[in-house]
C-alpha atoms as a PDB file:
ATOM      1  CA  UNK A   1       9.436  -8.826  16.075  1.00  0.00           C
ATOM      2  CA  UNK A   2       5.636  -8.804  16.211  1.00  0.00           C
ATOM      3  CA  UNK A   3       5.000  -8.627  12.460  1.00  0.00           C
ATOM      4  CA  UNK A   4       6.475  -9.971   9.251  1.00  0.00           C
ATOM      5  CA  UNK A   5       9.271  -7.453   8.540  1.00  0.00           C
ATOM      6  CA  UNK A   6       8.697  -5.477   5.359  1.00  0.00           C
ATOM      7  CA  UNK A   7      11.976  -4.638   3.630  1.00  0.00           C
ATOM      8  CA  UNK A   8      11.818  -2.173   0.751  1.00  0.00           C
ATOM      9  CA  UNK A   9      14.860  -1.651  -1.482  1.00  0.00           C
ATOM     10  CA  UNK A  10      14.954   1.856  -2.967  1.00  0.00           C
ATOM     11  CA  UNK A  11      17.553   1.799  -5.744  1.00  0.00           C
ATOM     12  CA  UNK A  12      17.186   5.515  -6.490  1.00  0.00           C
ATOM     13  CA  UNK A  13      19.077   6.464  -9.694  1.00  0.00           C
ATOM     14  CA  UNK A  14      21.106   3.267  -9.722  1.00  0.00           C
ATOM     15  CA  UNK A  15      21.090  -0.163 -11.302  1.00  0.00           C
ATOM     16  CA  UNK A  16      20.827  -1.632 -14.778  1.00  0.00           C
ATOM     17  CA  UNK A  17      19.213  -4.553 -16.574  1.00  0.00           C
ATOM     18  CA  UNK A  18      21.862  -6.968 -15.339  1.00  0.00           C
ATOM     19  CA  UNK A  19      21.365  -6.003 -11.692  1.00  0.00           C
ATOM     20  CA  UNK A  20      17.596  -6.402 -12.062  1.00  0.00           C
ATOM     21  CA  UNK A  21      18.059  -9.903 -13.450  1.00  0.00           C
ATOM     22  CA  UNK A  22      20.731 -10.954 -10.949  1.00  0.00           C
ATOM     23  CA  UNK A  23      18.834  -9.641  -7.931  1.00  0.00           C
ATOM     24  CA  UNK A  24      15.468 -11.166  -8.734  1.00  0.00           C
ATOM     25  CA  UNK A  25      16.914 -14.500  -9.862  1.00  0.00           C
ATOM     26  CA  UNK A  26      18.812 -14.771  -6.566  1.00  0.00           C
ATOM     27  CA  UNK A  27      15.713 -13.821  -4.579  1.00  0.00           C
ATOM     28  CA  UNK A  28      13.717 -16.457  -6.431  1.00  0.00           C
ATOM     29  CA  UNK A  29      16.345 -19.110  -5.714  1.00  0.00           C
ATOM     30  CA  UNK A  30      16.209 -18.285  -2.014  1.00  0.00           C
ATOM     31  CA  UNK A  31      12.487 -17.644  -1.789  1.00  0.00           C
ATOM     32  CA  UNK A  32      11.831 -20.588   0.554  1.00  0.00           C
ATOM     33  CA  UNK A  33      14.472 -19.268   2.914  1.00  0.00           C
ATOM     34  CA  UNK A  34      13.162 -15.710   2.605  1.00  0.00           C
ATOM     35  CA  UNK A  35       9.460 -16.585   2.827  1.00  0.00           C
ATOM     36  CA  UNK A  36       9.333 -15.211   6.377  1.00  0.00           C
ATOM     37  CA  UNK A  37       9.929 -11.720   4.962  1.00  0.00           C
ATOM     38  CA  UNK A  38       7.979  -9.328   2.785  1.00  0.00           C
ATOM     39  CA  UNK A  39      10.343  -7.789   0.221  1.00  0.00           C
ATOM     40  CA  UNK A  40       9.799  -5.052  -2.354  1.00  0.00           C
ATOM     41  CA  UNK A  41      12.238  -3.755  -4.959  1.00  0.00           C
ATOM     42  CA  UNK A  42      11.952  -0.184  -6.257  1.00  0.00           C
ATOM     43  CA  UNK A  43      14.273   0.139  -9.271  1.00  0.00           C
ATOM     44  CA  UNK A  44      14.226   3.147 -11.596  1.00  0.00           C
ATOM     45  CA  UNK A  45      10.787   3.165 -13.218  1.00  0.00           C
ATOM     46  CA  UNK A  46      12.142   2.310 -16.676  1.00  0.00           C
ATOM     47  CA  UNK A  47      13.171  -1.129 -15.345  1.00  0.00           C
ATOM     48  CA  UNK A  48       9.839  -2.122 -13.799  1.00  0.00           C
ATOM     49  CA  UNK A  49       8.651  -3.902 -16.937  1.00  0.00           C
ATOM     50  CA  UNK A  50      11.837  -5.981 -17.122  1.00  0.00           C
ATOM     51  CA  UNK A  51      11.663  -6.736 -13.407  1.00  0.00           C
ATOM     52  CA  UNK A  52       8.157  -8.161 -13.770  1.00  0.00           C
ATOM     53  CA  UNK A  53       9.570 -11.004 -15.856  1.00  0.00           C
ATOM     54  CA  UNK A  54      11.339 -12.367 -12.787  1.00  0.00           C
ATOM     55  CA  UNK A  55       8.627 -11.987 -10.156  1.00  0.00           C
ATOM     56  CA  UNK A  56       6.793 -15.191 -11.160  1.00  0.00           C
ATOM     57  CA  UNK A  57       4.246 -16.307  -8.581  1.00  0.00           C
ATOM     58  CA  UNK A  58       6.091 -15.068  -5.528  1.00  0.00           C
ATOM     59  CA  UNK A  59       3.791 -14.216  -2.650  1.00  0.00           C
ATOM     60  CA  UNK A  60       6.347 -12.230  -0.689  1.00  0.00           C
ATOM     61  CA  UNK A  61       8.371 -10.369  -3.346  1.00  0.00           C
ATOM     62  CA  UNK A  62       6.858  -7.263  -4.897  1.00  0.00           C
ATOM     63  CA  UNK A  63       7.757  -4.335  -7.103  1.00  0.00           C
ATOM     64  CA  UNK A  64       7.508  -0.738  -5.974  1.00  0.00           C
ATOM     65  CA  UNK A  65       7.793   2.629  -7.694  1.00  0.00           C
ATOM     66  CA  UNK A  66      10.053   5.419  -6.485  1.00  0.00           C
ATOM     67  CA  UNK A  67       7.651   8.192  -7.438  1.00  0.00           C
ATOM     68  CA  UNK A  68       4.280   9.078  -8.940  1.00  0.00           C
ATOM     69  CA  UNK A  69       2.838  12.264 -10.379  1.00  0.00           C
ATOM     70  CA  UNK A  70       0.021  14.136  -8.658  1.00  0.00           C
ATOM     71  CA  UNK A  71      -2.015  13.992 -11.891  1.00  0.00           C
ATOM     72  CA  UNK A  72      -3.514  11.124 -13.870  1.00  0.00           C
ATOM     73  CA  UNK A  73      -2.898  12.593 -17.319  1.00  0.00           C
ATOM     74  CA  UNK A  74      -2.021  15.832 -19.058  1.00  0.00           C
ATOM     75  CA  UNK A  75       0.913  17.980 -20.162  1.00  0.00           C
ATOM     76  CA  UNK A  76       3.392  16.759 -17.552  1.00  0.00           C
ATOM     77  CA  UNK A  77       6.497  15.724 -19.465  1.00  0.00           C
ATOM     78  CA  UNK A  78       8.543  12.939 -17.925  1.00  0.00           C
ATOM     79  CA  UNK A  79       5.991  11.975 -15.287  1.00  0.00           C
ATOM     80  CA  UNK A  80       4.186   8.705 -14.571  1.00  0.00           C
ATOM     81  CA  UNK A  81       0.671   8.313 -13.195  1.00  0.00           C
ATOM     82  CA  UNK A  82      -0.920   6.090 -10.570  1.00  0.00           C
ATOM     83  CA  UNK A  83      -3.089   4.592 -13.310  1.00  0.00           C
ATOM     84  CA  UNK A  84       0.009   3.573 -15.295  1.00  0.00           C
ATOM     85  CA  UNK A  85       1.593   1.992 -12.228  1.00  0.00           C
ATOM     86  CA  UNK A  86      -1.630   0.158 -11.459  1.00  0.00           C
ATOM     87  CA  UNK A  87      -1.710  -1.234 -15.013  1.00  0.00           C
ATOM     88  CA  UNK A  88       1.754  -2.689 -14.449  1.00  0.00           C
ATOM     89  CA  UNK A  89       0.677  -4.380 -11.238  1.00  0.00           C
ATOM     90  CA  UNK A  90       2.750  -2.162  -8.964  1.00  0.00           C
ATOM     91  CA  UNK A  91       1.606  -2.285  -5.342  1.00  0.00           C
ATOM     92  CA  UNK A  92       3.795   0.151  -3.379  1.00  0.00           C
ATOM     93  CA  UNK A  93       4.821   3.720  -4.243  1.00  0.00           C
ATOM     94  CA  UNK A  94       7.334   5.894  -2.399  1.00  0.00           C
ATOM     95  CA  UNK A  95       6.275   9.515  -1.851  1.00  0.00           C
ATOM     96  CA  UNK A  96       7.666  12.393   0.186  1.00  0.00           C
ATOM     97  CA  UNK A  97      11.270  11.178   0.090  1.00  0.00           C
ATOM     98  CA  UNK A  98      13.710  13.788   1.378  1.00  0.00           C
ATOM     99  CA  UNK A  99      15.476  13.866  -1.985  1.00  0.00           C
ATOM    100  CA  UNK A 100      12.191  14.682  -3.747  1.00  0.00           C
ATOM    101  CA  UNK A 101      11.473  17.396  -1.199  1.00  0.00           C
ATOM    102  CA  UNK A 102      14.957  18.886  -1.512  1.00  0.00           C
ATOM    103  CA  UNK A 103      15.821  18.553  -5.200  1.00  0.00           C
ATOM    104  CA  UNK A 104      12.345  18.663  -6.754  1.00  0.00           C
ATOM    105  CA  UNK A 105      10.839  21.154  -4.305  1.00  0.00           C
ATOM    106  CA  UNK A 106       7.890  18.943  -3.426  1.00  0.00           C
ATOM    107  CA  UNK A 107       5.932  20.502  -0.582  1.00  0.00           C
ATOM    108  CA  UNK A 108       3.185  19.133   1.640  1.00  0.00           C
ATOM    109  CA  UNK A 109       0.476  20.101  -0.878  1.00  0.00           C
ATOM    110  CA  UNK A 110       2.080  18.035  -3.646  1.00  0.00           C
ATOM    111  CA  UNK A 111       2.739  15.102  -1.322  1.00  0.00           C
ATOM    112  CA  UNK A 112      -0.850  15.154  -0.077  1.00  0.00           C
ATOM    113  CA  UNK A 113      -2.134  15.113  -3.673  1.00  0.00           C
ATOM    114  CA  UNK A 114       0.104  12.146  -4.452  1.00  0.00           C
ATOM    115  CA  UNK A 115      -1.099  10.332  -1.343  1.00  0.00           C
ATOM    116  CA  UNK A 116      -4.730  10.913  -2.346  1.00  0.00           C
ATOM    117  CA  UNK A 117      -4.272   9.742  -5.917  1.00  0.00           C
ATOM    118  CA  UNK A 118      -2.523   6.552  -4.795  1.00  0.00           C
ATOM    119  CA  UNK A 119      -5.446   5.785  -2.511  1.00  0.00           C
ATOM    120  CA  UNK A 120      -7.886   6.380  -5.353  1.00  0.00           C
ATOM    121  CA  UNK A 121      -6.079   3.741  -7.416  1.00  0.00           C
ATOM    122  CA  UNK A 122      -5.727   1.284  -4.540  1.00  0.00           C
ATOM    123  CA  UNK A 123      -1.948   1.629  -4.385  1.00  0.00           C
ATOM    124  CA  UNK A 124      -0.114   1.646  -1.066  1.00  0.00           C
ATOM    125  CA  UNK A 125       1.803   4.842  -0.257  1.00  0.00           C
ATOM    126  CA  UNK A 126       5.179   4.628   1.429  1.00  0.00           C
ATOM    127  CA  UNK A 127       5.183   8.065   3.030  1.00  0.00           C
ATOM    128  CA  UNK A 128       8.688   9.230   3.954  1.00  0.00           C
ATOM    129  CA  UNK A 129       9.103  11.632   6.840  1.00  0.00           C
ATOM    130  CA  UNK A 130      12.106  12.742   8.877  1.00  0.00           C
ATOM    131  CA  UNK A 131      14.069  15.559  10.430  1.00  0.00           C
ATOM    132  CA  UNK A 132      17.178  17.585   9.632  1.00  0.00           C
ATOM    133  CA  UNK A 133      20.215  17.295  11.894  1.00  0.00           C
ATOM    134  CA  UNK A 134      19.439  20.613  13.589  1.00  0.00           C
ATOM    135  CA  UNK A 135      16.006  19.271  14.511  1.00  0.00           C
ATOM    136  CA  UNK A 136      17.624  16.100  15.815  1.00  0.00           C
ATOM    137  CA  UNK A 137      20.034  18.158  17.919  1.00  0.00           C
ATOM    138  CA  UNK A 138      17.158  20.265  19.251  1.00  0.00           C
ATOM    139  CA  UNK A 139      15.038  17.185  20.011  1.00  0.00           C
ATOM    140  CA  UNK A 140      12.310  18.322  17.634  1.00  0.00           C
ATOM    141  CA  UNK A 141      11.651  14.904  16.140  1.00  0.00           C
ATOM    142  CA  UNK A 142       8.047  14.636  17.343  1.00  0.00           C
ATOM    143  CA  UNK A 143       7.061  18.092  16.132  1.00  0.00           C
ATOM    144  CA  UNK A 144       8.708  17.584  12.728  1.00  0.00           C
ATOM    145  CA  UNK A 145       7.060  14.220  12.116  1.00  0.00           C
ATOM    146  CA  UNK A 146       3.652  15.540  13.148  1.00  0.00           C
ATOM    147  CA  UNK A 147       4.126  18.536  10.865  1.00  0.00           C
ATOM    148  CA  UNK A 148       4.739  16.195   7.917  1.00  0.00           C
ATOM    149  CA  UNK A 149       1.793  13.911   8.723  1.00  0.00           C
ATOM    150  CA  UNK A 150      -0.776  16.589   9.555  1.00  0.00           C
ATOM    151  CA  UNK A 151      -1.409  17.894   6.002  1.00  0.00           C
ATOM    152  CA  UNK A 152      -2.637  14.429   5.005  1.00  0.00           C
ATOM    153  CA  UNK A 153      -4.655  13.989   8.192  1.00  0.00           C
ATOM    154  CA  UNK A 154      -6.247  17.414   7.764  1.00  0.00           C
ATOM    155  CA  UNK A 155      -7.321  16.780   4.168  1.00  0.00           C
ATOM    156  CA  UNK A 156      -7.981  13.035   4.051  1.00  0.00           C
ATOM    157  CA  UNK A 157      -8.520  12.015   7.671  1.00  0.00           C
ATOM    158  CA  UNK A 158      -7.209   9.110   9.696  1.00  0.00           C
ATOM    159  CA  UNK A 159      -9.037   6.527   7.542  1.00  0.00           C
ATOM    160  CA  UNK A 160      -6.574   7.270   4.741  1.00  0.00           C
ATOM    161  CA  UNK A 161      -3.795   5.712   6.838  1.00  0.00           C
ATOM    162  CA  UNK A 162      -5.299   2.255   6.474  1.00  0.00           C
ATOM    163  CA  UNK A 163      -3.030   0.205   4.176  1.00  0.00           C
ATOM    164  CA  UNK A 164      -0.307   2.822   4.487  1.00  0.00           C
ATOM    165  CA  UNK A 165       3.397   2.608   5.235  1.00  0.00           C
ATOM    166  CA  UNK A 166       5.237   5.425   6.970  1.00  0.00           C
ATOM    167  CA  UNK A 167       8.997   5.375   6.521  1.00  0.00           C
ATOM    168  CA  UNK A 168      10.838   7.381   9.144  1.00  0.00           C
ATOM    169  CA  UNK A 169      14.124   8.528   7.574  1.00  0.00           C
ATOM    170  CA  UNK A 170      16.203  11.092   9.456  1.00  0.00           C
ATOM    171  CA  UNK A 171      17.482  13.280   6.636  1.00  0.00           C
ATOM    172  CA  UNK A 172      20.910  13.539   8.244  1.00  0.00           C
ATOM    173  CA  UNK A 173      21.242   9.725   8.198  1.00  0.00           C
ATOM    174  CA  UNK A 174      20.395   9.118   4.525  1.00  0.00           C
ATOM    175  CA  UNK A 175      23.508   7.858   2.738  1.00  0.00           C
ATOM    176  CA  UNK A 176      25.840   9.303   5.366  1.00  0.00           C
ATOM    177  CA  UNK A 177      26.774   6.174   7.295  1.00  0.00           C
ATOM    178  CA  UNK A 178      25.405   7.840  10.436  1.00  0.00           C
ATOM    179  CA  UNK A 179      22.570   6.065  12.191  1.00  0.00           C
ATOM    180  CA  UNK A 180      20.677   7.112  15.320  1.00  0.00           C
ATOM    181  CA  UNK A 181      20.639   4.660  18.187  1.00  0.00           C
ATOM    182  CA  UNK A 182      18.011   1.899  18.131  1.00  0.00           C
ATOM    183  CA  UNK A 183      16.451   3.535  21.184  1.00  0.00           C
ATOM    184  CA  UNK A 184      16.136   6.855  19.358  1.00  0.00           C
ATOM    185  CA  UNK A 185      14.555   5.116  16.374  1.00  0.00           C
ATOM    186  CA  UNK A 186      12.089   3.325  18.650  1.00  0.00           C
ATOM    187  CA  UNK A 187      11.162   6.607  20.317  1.00  0.00           C
ATOM    188  CA  UNK A 188      10.580   8.278  16.942  1.00  0.00           C
ATOM    189  CA  UNK A 189       8.353   5.411  15.794  1.00  0.00           C
ATOM    190  CA  UNK A 190       6.476   5.414  19.081  1.00  0.00           C
ATOM    191  CA  UNK A 191       5.869   9.161  18.710  1.00  0.00           C
ATOM    192  CA  UNK A 192       4.383   8.597  15.250  1.00  0.00           C
ATOM    193  CA  UNK A 193       2.193   5.686  16.333  1.00  0.00           C
ATOM    194  CA  UNK A 194       1.044   7.438  19.503  1.00  0.00           C
ATOM    195  CA  UNK A 195       0.085  10.535  17.563  1.00  0.00           C
ATOM    196  CA  UNK A 196      -2.004   8.531  15.089  1.00  0.00           C
ATOM    197  CA  UNK A 197      -3.617   6.637  17.971  1.00  0.00           C
ATOM    198  CA  UNK A 198      -5.151   9.905  19.157  1.00  0.00           C
ATOM    199  CA  UNK A 199      -7.311   9.708  16.031  1.00  0.00           C
ATOM    200  CA  UNK A 200      -7.833   5.928  15.801  1.00  0.00           C
ATOM    201  CA  UNK A 201      -6.052   3.370  17.946  1.00  0.00           C
ATOM    202  CA  UNK A 202      -6.705   0.428  15.617  1.00  0.00           C
ATOM    203  CA  UNK A 203      -5.345   2.207  12.543  1.00  0.00           C
ATOM    204  CA  UNK A 204      -2.305   3.367  14.514  1.00  0.00           C
ATOM    205  CA  UNK A 205      -1.541  -0.183  15.643  1.00  0.00           C
ATOM    206  CA  UNK A 206      -1.764  -1.537  12.102  1.00  0.00           C
ATOM    207  CA  UNK A 207       0.121   1.149  10.191  1.00  0.00           C
ATOM    208  CA  UNK A 208       3.495  -0.198   9.044  1.00  0.00           C
ATOM    209  CA  UNK A 209       6.391   1.897  10.342  1.00  0.00           C
ATOM    210  CA  UNK A 210       9.682   1.449   8.513  1.00  0.00           C
ATOM    211  CA  UNK A 211      13.068   2.897   9.377  1.00  0.00           C
ATOM    212  CA  UNK A 212      15.465   4.125   6.704  1.00  0.00           C
ATOM    213  CA  UNK A 213      18.884   5.759   6.839  1.00  0.00           C
ATOM    214  CA  UNK A 214      22.279   4.009   6.646  1.00  0.00           C
ATOM    215  CA  UNK A 215      20.934   0.555   7.487  1.00  0.00           C
ATOM    216  CA  UNK A 216      23.456  -2.250   7.003  1.00  0.00           C
ATOM    217  CA  UNK A 217      24.134  -5.846   8.001  1.00  0.00           C
ATOM    218  CA  UNK A 218      25.658  -4.721  11.295  1.00  0.00           C
ATOM    219  CA  UNK A 219      22.722  -2.704  12.595  1.00  0.00           C
ATOM    220  CA  UNK A 220      19.606  -4.073  10.874  1.00  0.00           C
ATOM    221  CA  UNK A 221      18.707  -6.586  13.570  1.00  0.00           C
ATOM    222  CA  UNK A 222      19.116  -4.138  16.446  1.00  0.00           C
ATOM    223  CA  UNK A 223      16.786  -1.740  14.639  1.00  0.00           C
ATOM    224  CA  UNK A 224      14.152  -4.344  13.764  1.00  0.00           C
ATOM    225  CA  UNK A 225      14.088  -5.640  17.340  1.00  0.00           C
ATOM    226  CA  UNK A 226      12.536  -2.357  18.454  1.00  0.00           C
ATOM    227  CA  UNK A 227       8.869  -2.898  19.243  1.00  0.00           C
ATOM    228  CA  UNK A 228       7.506  -0.177  16.948  1.00  0.00           C
ATOM    229  CA  UNK A 229       9.764  -0.871  13.964  1.00  0.00           C
ATOM    230  CA  UNK A 230       7.889  -2.983  11.408  1.00  0.00           C
ATOM    231  CA  UNK A 231      10.331  -2.856   8.523  1.00  0.00           C
ATOM    232  CA  UNK A 232      13.298  -1.274   6.807  1.00  0.00           C
ATOM    233  CA  UNK A 233      13.682   1.094   3.852  1.00  0.00           C
ATOM    234  CA  UNK A 234      17.077   0.332   2.323  1.00  0.00           C
ATOM    235  CA  UNK A 235      18.983   2.600  -0.026  1.00  0.00           C
ATOM    236  CA  UNK A 236      22.662   2.179  -0.857  1.00  0.00           C
ATOM    237  CA  UNK A 237      22.992  -1.274   0.678  1.00  0.00           C
ATOM    238  CA  UNK A 238      20.244  -2.662  -1.567  1.00  0.00           C
ATOM    239  CA  UNK A 239      22.131  -2.056  -4.830  1.00  0.00           C
ATOM    240  CA  UNK A 240      25.050  -4.236  -3.737  1.00  0.00           C
ATOM    241  CA  UNK A 241      23.615  -7.705  -4.195  1.00  0.00           C
ATOM    242  CA  UNK A 242      25.745  -9.596  -1.683  1.00  0.00           C
ATOM    243  CA  UNK A 243      25.186  -6.973   0.999  1.00  0.00           C
ATOM    244  CA  UNK A 244      21.456  -6.913   0.287  1.00  0.00           C
ATOM    245  CA  UNK A 245      21.216 -10.698   0.538  1.00  0.00           C
ATOM    246  CA  UNK A 246      23.273 -10.652   3.715  1.00  0.00           C
ATOM    247  CA  UNK A 247      20.790  -8.257   5.321  1.00  0.00           C
ATOM    248  CA  UNK A 248      17.846 -10.402   4.250  1.00  0.00           C
ATOM    249  CA  UNK A 249      19.486 -13.577   5.579  1.00  0.00           C
ATOM    250  CA  UNK A 250      20.306 -11.986   8.934  1.00  0.00           C
ATOM    251  CA  UNK A 251      16.691 -10.963   9.427  1.00  0.00           C
ATOM    252  CA  UNK A 252      15.270 -14.246   8.138  1.00  0.00           C
ATOM    253  CA  UNK A 253      17.598 -16.323  10.321  1.00  0.00           C
ATOM    254  CA  UNK A 254      16.373 -14.536  13.417  1.00  0.00           C
ATOM    255  CA  UNK A 255      12.681 -15.169  12.740  1.00  0.00           C
END
């Protein structure tokens, strides 16, 4: 592993006050052991304020948001802005997740607007990209990933990918228990990095590439050992505290 692994726990529509407290207290107790890692927790937005109480002065444990609106203010019921997240000290924000694309009909225009507004407020986007199973079967991974990156490149340019995380999540692997081989994941990440390097080699080398999709204690190390995998985006396994801690320990023990 060439970099400090960045592990982001996306709780989605799960969790409660007790889980927030239990998770962050346990992470704090083990922070010396886990100091080799960079960890971020993305609970439902309503719990971010409570979660802040348990962050203390940790230098490697952060809070993240699962979503942001493409506007700063206005008649957008139920939404939350980049300015509001910034006020709460949030550093990372997930955008473009397959579930937002599928269930909330977010297209590349909306995702590009969200990316731009996060940059304007000095927040770090975690841009999710990935292919359907039919694209996987047809070996279209490179074309699909480029198609999802290009709208941002076209509007904002390669400079916008400084201080950016790209999370490659094959849609067919999210929550299914199916995971592509480590070699396939490495190839997908290499495709993404190589494409960005055509615009700026330095930015491409420094962009953080995470993998997400049915990661567990049995496969996390094999995935992270791939040369172009810089971190992990966890879903289901991050809401089960013992499993989450097991994954963190496995990675930390190896470093």
